[in-house]
């Protein structure tokens, strides 16, 4: 799992692999509830998907650029373009389904 910041975000989008970005805050209870699932997916999808965590408190300019209004927010990027956005608690199945169009196609 990659710690995403304003400094490395654009480079992350150049990844040939799909990217799952978890936008969170430490004070956010739903964000904390999602952490074990995101860590599990990062291990499970290693080599097929890049999983990044973006701390909303530490990166306000990037949060504004991405138009993040609620936490947690999960964004799937493929070839640098946003292809899915999910807000709030998500199931493992939903995250995999949104990633499925990119990670399983190849």
C-alpha atoms as a PDB file:
ATOM      1  CA  UNK A   1       0.000   0.000   0.000  1.00  0.00           C
ATOM      2  CA  UNK A   2       1.313   3.424  -0.958  1.00  0.00           C
ATOM      3  CA  UNK A   3       0.977   6.586   1.100  1.00  0.00           C
ATOM      4  CA  UNK A   4      -0.310   9.071  -1.465  1.00  0.00           C
ATOM      5  CA  UNK A   5       0.556  12.760  -1.136  1.00  0.00           C
ATOM      6  CA  UNK A   6       0.299  15.874  -3.244  1.00  0.00           C
ATOM      7  CA  UNK A   7       3.924  15.206  -4.253  1.00  0.00           C
ATOM      8  CA  UNK A   8       3.479  11.674  -5.635  1.00  0.00           C
ATOM      9  CA  UNK A   9      -0.165  11.667  -6.814  1.00  0.00           C
ATOM     10  CA  UNK A  10       0.500  12.555 -10.460  1.00  0.00           C
ATOM     11  CA  UNK A  11       3.255   9.926 -10.689  1.00  0.00           C
ATOM     12  CA  UNK A  12       0.844   7.361  -9.229  1.00  0.00           C
ATOM     13  CA  UNK A  13      -1.551   7.994 -12.111  1.00  0.00           C
ATOM     14  CA  UNK A  14       1.120   6.958 -14.614  1.00  0.00           C
ATOM     15  CA  UNK A  15       0.943   3.404 -13.254  1.00  0.00           C
ATOM     16  CA  UNK A  16       0.230   0.752 -15.858  1.00  0.00           C
ATOM     17  CA  UNK A  17      -1.791  -1.023 -13.184  1.00  0.00           C
ATOM     18  CA  UNK A  18      -5.212   0.151 -12.028  1.00  0.00           C
ATOM     19  CA  UNK A  19      -5.147   2.277  -8.882  1.00  0.00           C
ATOM     20  CA  UNK A  20      -7.531   2.055  -5.925  1.00  0.00           C
ATOM     21  CA  UNK A  21      -7.255   5.255  -3.906  1.00  0.00           C
ATOM     22  CA  UNK A  22      -8.620   5.280  -0.352  1.00  0.00           C
ATOM     23  CA  UNK A  23      -9.213   8.861   0.819  1.00  0.00           C
ATOM     24  CA  UNK A  24      -9.464   8.917   4.602  1.00  0.00           C
ATOM     25  CA  UNK A  25      -8.931  10.838   7.837  1.00  0.00           C
ATOM     26  CA  UNK A  26      -7.678   9.417  11.121  1.00  0.00           C
ATOM     27  CA  UNK A  27     -10.635  10.960  12.994  1.00  0.00           C
ATOM     28  CA  UNK A  28     -13.207   9.306  10.678  1.00  0.00           C
ATOM     29  CA  UNK A  29     -14.809   6.180  12.254  1.00  0.00           C
ATOM     30  CA  UNK A  30     -15.989   4.685   8.904  1.00  0.00           C
ATOM     31  CA  UNK A  31     -12.475   5.227   7.533  1.00  0.00           C
ATOM     32  CA  UNK A  32     -11.008   3.280  10.454  1.00  0.00           C
ATOM     33  CA  UNK A  33     -13.550   0.499   9.914  1.00  0.00           C
ATOM     34  CA  UNK A  34     -12.456   0.175   6.273  1.00  0.00           C
ATOM     35  CA  UNK A  35      -8.729  -0.041   7.057  1.00  0.00           C
ATOM     36  CA  UNK A  36      -8.488  -3.832   7.587  1.00  0.00           C
ATOM     37  CA  UNK A  37     -10.383  -4.470   4.339  1.00  0.00           C
ATOM     38  CA  UNK A  38      -8.193  -2.070   2.355  1.00  0.00           C
ATOM     39  CA  UNK A  39      -5.036  -3.637   3.804  1.00  0.00           C
ATOM     40  CA  UNK A  40      -6.343  -7.093   2.905  1.00  0.00           C
ATOM     41  CA  UNK A  41      -7.152  -6.026  -0.666  1.00  0.00           C
ATOM     42  CA  UNK A  42      -3.713  -4.430  -1.040  1.00  0.00           C
ATOM     43  CA  UNK A  43      -2.102  -7.782  -0.189  1.00  0.00           C
ATOM     44  CA  UNK A  44      -4.543  -9.833  -2.256  1.00  0.00           C
ATOM     45  CA  UNK A  45      -4.253  -7.652  -5.375  1.00  0.00           C
ATOM     46  CA  UNK A  46      -0.498  -7.048  -5.227  1.00  0.00           C
ATOM     47  CA  UNK A  47       0.929  -7.067  -8.734  1.00  0.00           C
ATOM     48  CA  UNK A  48      -2.507  -6.435 -10.295  1.00  0.00           C
ATOM     49  CA  UNK A  49      -3.626  -3.212  -8.600  1.00  0.00           C
ATOM     50  CA  UNK A  50      -1.883  -0.353  -6.838  1.00  0.00           C
ATOM     51  CA  UNK A  51      -3.620   0.508  -3.574  1.00  0.00           C
ATOM     52  CA  UNK A  52      -2.994   3.974  -2.207  1.00  0.00           C
ATOM     53  CA  UNK A  53      -4.105   5.779   0.944  1.00  0.00           C
ATOM     54  CA  UNK A  54      -4.564   9.540   0.861  1.00  0.00           C
ATOM     55  CA  UNK A  55      -4.742  11.360   4.201  1.00  0.00           C
ATOM     56  CA  UNK A  56      -7.287  14.123   3.605  1.00  0.00           C
ATOM     57  CA  UNK A  57      -6.027  16.223   6.522  1.00  0.00           C
ATOM     58  CA  UNK A  58      -2.423  16.281   5.295  1.00  0.00           C
ATOM     59  CA  UNK A  59      -3.241  16.966   1.631  1.00  0.00           C
ATOM     60  CA  UNK A  60      -5.952  19.661   1.443  1.00  0.00           C
ATOM     61  CA  UNK A  61      -4.974  20.914  -2.024  1.00  0.00           C
ATOM     62  CA  UNK A  62      -5.259  17.438  -3.517  1.00  0.00           C
ATOM     63  CA  UNK A  63      -8.588  16.881  -1.744  1.00  0.00           C
ATOM     64  CA  UNK A  64      -9.889  20.086  -3.346  1.00  0.00           C
ATOM     65  CA  UNK A  65      -8.490  19.093  -6.750  1.00  0.00           C
ATOM     66  CA  UNK A  66     -10.256  15.721  -6.560  1.00  0.00           C
ATOM     67  CA  UNK A  67     -13.511  17.276  -5.331  1.00  0.00           C
ATOM     68  CA  UNK A  68     -13.667  15.121  -2.194  1.00  0.00           C
ATOM     69  CA  UNK A  69     -16.602  16.127   0.023  1.00  0.00           C
ATOM     70  CA  UNK A  70     -17.176  13.011   2.149  1.00  0.00           C
ATOM     71  CA  UNK A  71     -15.066  10.350   3.812  1.00  0.00           C
ATOM     72  CA  UNK A  72     -14.167   7.697   3.161  1.00  0.00           C
ATOM     73  CA  UNK A  73     -14.038   8.067  -0.614  1.00  0.00           C
ATOM     74  CA  UNK A  74     -12.665   5.342  -2.860  1.00  0.00           C
ATOM     75  CA  UNK A  75     -11.601   6.194  -6.401  1.00  0.00           C
ATOM     76  CA  UNK A  76     -10.540   3.718  -9.075  1.00  0.00           C
ATOM     77  CA  UNK A  77      -8.189   5.072 -11.743  1.00  0.00           C
ATOM     78  CA  UNK A  78      -7.305   3.205 -14.923  1.00  0.00           C
ATOM     79  CA  UNK A  79      -4.599   4.574 -17.222  1.00  0.00           C
ATOM     80  CA  UNK A  80      -4.715   7.838 -15.278  1.00  0.00           C
ATOM     81  CA  UNK A  81      -8.453   8.385 -15.648  1.00  0.00           C
ATOM     82  CA  UNK A  82     -11.044   8.113 -12.894  1.00  0.00           C
ATOM     83  CA  UNK A  83     -13.394   5.241 -13.748  1.00  0.00           C
ATOM     84  CA  UNK A  84     -15.295   4.729 -10.469  1.00  0.00           C
ATOM     85  CA  UNK A  85     -15.978   6.709  -7.296  1.00  0.00           C
ATOM     86  CA  UNK A  86     -17.577   5.273  -4.158  1.00  0.00           C
ATOM     87  CA  UNK A  87     -18.382   7.201  -0.977  1.00  0.00           C
ATOM     88  CA  UNK A  88     -18.927   5.755   2.495  1.00  0.00           C
ATOM     89  CA  UNK A  89     -18.560   2.232   3.808  1.00  0.00           C
ATOM     90  CA  UNK A  90     -18.090  -0.294   1.015  1.00  0.00           C
ATOM     91  CA  UNK A  91     -18.182  -4.058   0.964  1.00  0.00           C
ATOM     92  CA  UNK A  92     -15.294  -6.161  -0.238  1.00  0.00           C
ATOM     93  CA  UNK A  93     -17.550  -7.359  -3.066  1.00  0.00           C
ATOM     94  CA  UNK A  94     -18.337  -3.814  -4.202  1.00  0.00           C
ATOM     95  CA  UNK A  95     -14.695  -2.765  -4.244  1.00  0.00           C
ATOM     96  CA  UNK A  96     -13.712  -5.895  -6.159  1.00  0.00           C
ATOM     97  CA  UNK A  97     -16.595  -5.416  -8.587  1.00  0.00           C
ATOM     98  CA  UNK A  98     -15.458  -1.849  -9.322  1.00  0.00           C
ATOM     99  CA  UNK A  99     -11.875  -3.049  -9.731  1.00  0.00           C
ATOM    100  CA  UNK A 100     -12.965  -6.086 -11.744  1.00  0.00           C
ATOM    101  CA  UNK A 101     -13.418  -4.145 -14.947  1.00  0.00           C
ATOM    102  CA  UNK A 102      -9.744  -3.220 -14.858  1.00  0.00           C
ATOM    103  CA  UNK A 103      -7.839  -5.893 -12.913  1.00  0.00           C
ATOM    104  CA  UNK A 104      -9.503  -8.961 -14.355  1.00  0.00           C
ATOM    105  CA  UNK A 105      -9.665  -7.774 -17.952  1.00  0.00           C
ATOM    106  CA  UNK A 106      -5.965  -8.373 -18.535  1.00  0.00           C
END
